[in-house]
Amino acid sequence: MAQHRFTFVDAGTPDEPSKIEVRKDGQPIGRILHVAESQHMGAIYRFYRGQTSIDLKTAAQYSDLDELKKWIRETQ
């Protein structure tokens, strides 16, 4: 089975929420948004599958960015 190489690249502008583009073998497959901070849960990150706002689908939500990246590597 071929090994896929995932990269996580900072993207977006200062007016947008923190955004990380997710690439698989160099091709964009989705993005991670830092959607909220909670006093009880800490940060909340969501992974959206797709390349444009039209086809984005929420695929996962985690409070730990590293755990979310691990989930992406294992499932996408």
Protein backbone atom coordinates (compact mmCIF):
# COMPACT_ATOMS: atom_id res chain seq x y z
CA MET A 1 0.00 0.00 0.00
CA ALA A 2 1.34 3.43 -0.94
CA GLN A 3 2.24 5.85 1.84
CA HIS A 4 0.44 9.19 1.53
CA ARG A 5 2.26 12.30 2.54
CA PHE A 6 0.19 14.88 4.39
CA THR A 7 1.24 18.49 4.86
CA PHE A 8 -0.45 21.20 6.90
CA VAL A 9 0.09 24.74 5.56
CA ASP A 10 -0.96 28.00 7.24
CA ALA A 11 -3.49 29.79 5.05
CA GLY A 12 -6.01 32.62 5.22
CA THR A 13 -5.83 36.31 5.97
CA PRO A 14 -5.73 38.23 9.27
CA ASP A 15 -9.51 38.85 9.05
CA GLU A 16 -10.33 35.13 8.79
CA PRO A 17 -10.29 32.55 11.56
CA SER A 18 -7.02 30.68 11.88
CA LYS A 19 -6.92 28.34 8.92
CA ILE A 20 -4.67 25.46 7.93
CA GLU A 21 -4.84 23.97 4.46
CA VAL A 22 -4.53 20.16 4.47
CA ARG A 23 -2.71 18.63 1.52
CA LYS A 24 -2.39 14.99 0.58
CA ASP A 25 0.49 14.25 -1.79
CA GLY A 26 0.66 17.99 -2.56
CA GLN A 27 -3.03 18.35 -3.48
CA PRO A 28 -5.41 20.32 -1.23
CA ILE A 29 -8.07 18.06 0.32
CA GLY A 30 -9.56 20.35 2.96
CA ARG A 31 -8.87 22.79 5.73
CA ILE A 32 -8.73 23.06 9.49
CA LEU A 33 -10.38 26.02 11.20
CA HIS A 34 -9.80 27.16 14.76
CA VAL A 35 -13.46 27.84 15.44
CA ALA A 36 -13.63 28.69 19.14
CA GLU A 37 -12.00 28.94 22.53
CA SER A 38 -13.87 27.63 25.51
CA GLN A 39 -12.98 28.14 29.15
CA HIS A 40 -13.94 24.54 29.89
CA MET A 41 -12.78 22.73 26.74
CA GLY A 42 -9.96 24.94 25.48
CA ALA A 43 -9.57 25.30 21.74
CA ILE A 44 -11.92 23.75 19.21
CA TYR A 45 -10.64 22.77 15.77
CA ARG A 46 -12.72 21.48 12.86
CA PHE A 47 -11.56 19.70 9.74
CA TYR A 48 -13.59 20.46 6.62
CA ARG A 49 -13.23 18.15 3.64
CA GLY A 50 -13.30 19.81 0.21
CA GLN A 51 -11.54 22.58 -1.66
CA THR A 52 -14.19 25.29 -2.02
CA SER A 53 -16.79 26.71 0.33
CA ILE A 54 -19.47 25.07 -1.82
CA ASP A 55 -18.32 21.50 -1.22
CA LEU A 56 -16.95 21.79 2.33
CA LYS A 57 -18.23 19.13 4.71
CA THR A 58 -17.40 18.95 8.41
CA ALA A 59 -15.50 15.72 8.87
CA ALA A 60 -14.19 15.98 12.44
CA GLN A 61 -13.92 18.22 15.48
CA TYR A 62 -11.18 18.00 18.13
CA SER A 63 -9.96 20.13 21.01
CA ASP A 64 -6.34 19.11 20.32
CA LEU A 65 -4.83 20.15 16.98
CA ASP A 66 -2.21 17.37 17.02
CA GLU A 67 -4.89 14.74 17.63
CA LEU A 68 -6.90 16.12 14.72
CA LYS A 69 -3.86 15.95 12.43
CA LYS A 70 -3.27 12.35 13.57
CA TRP A 71 -6.91 11.48 12.77
CA ILE A 72 -6.55 13.04 9.30
CA ARG A 73 -3.40 11.01 8.57
CA GLU A 74 -5.10 7.78 9.68
CA THR A 75 -8.48 8.21 7.98
CA GLN A 76 -8.10 10.35 4.89
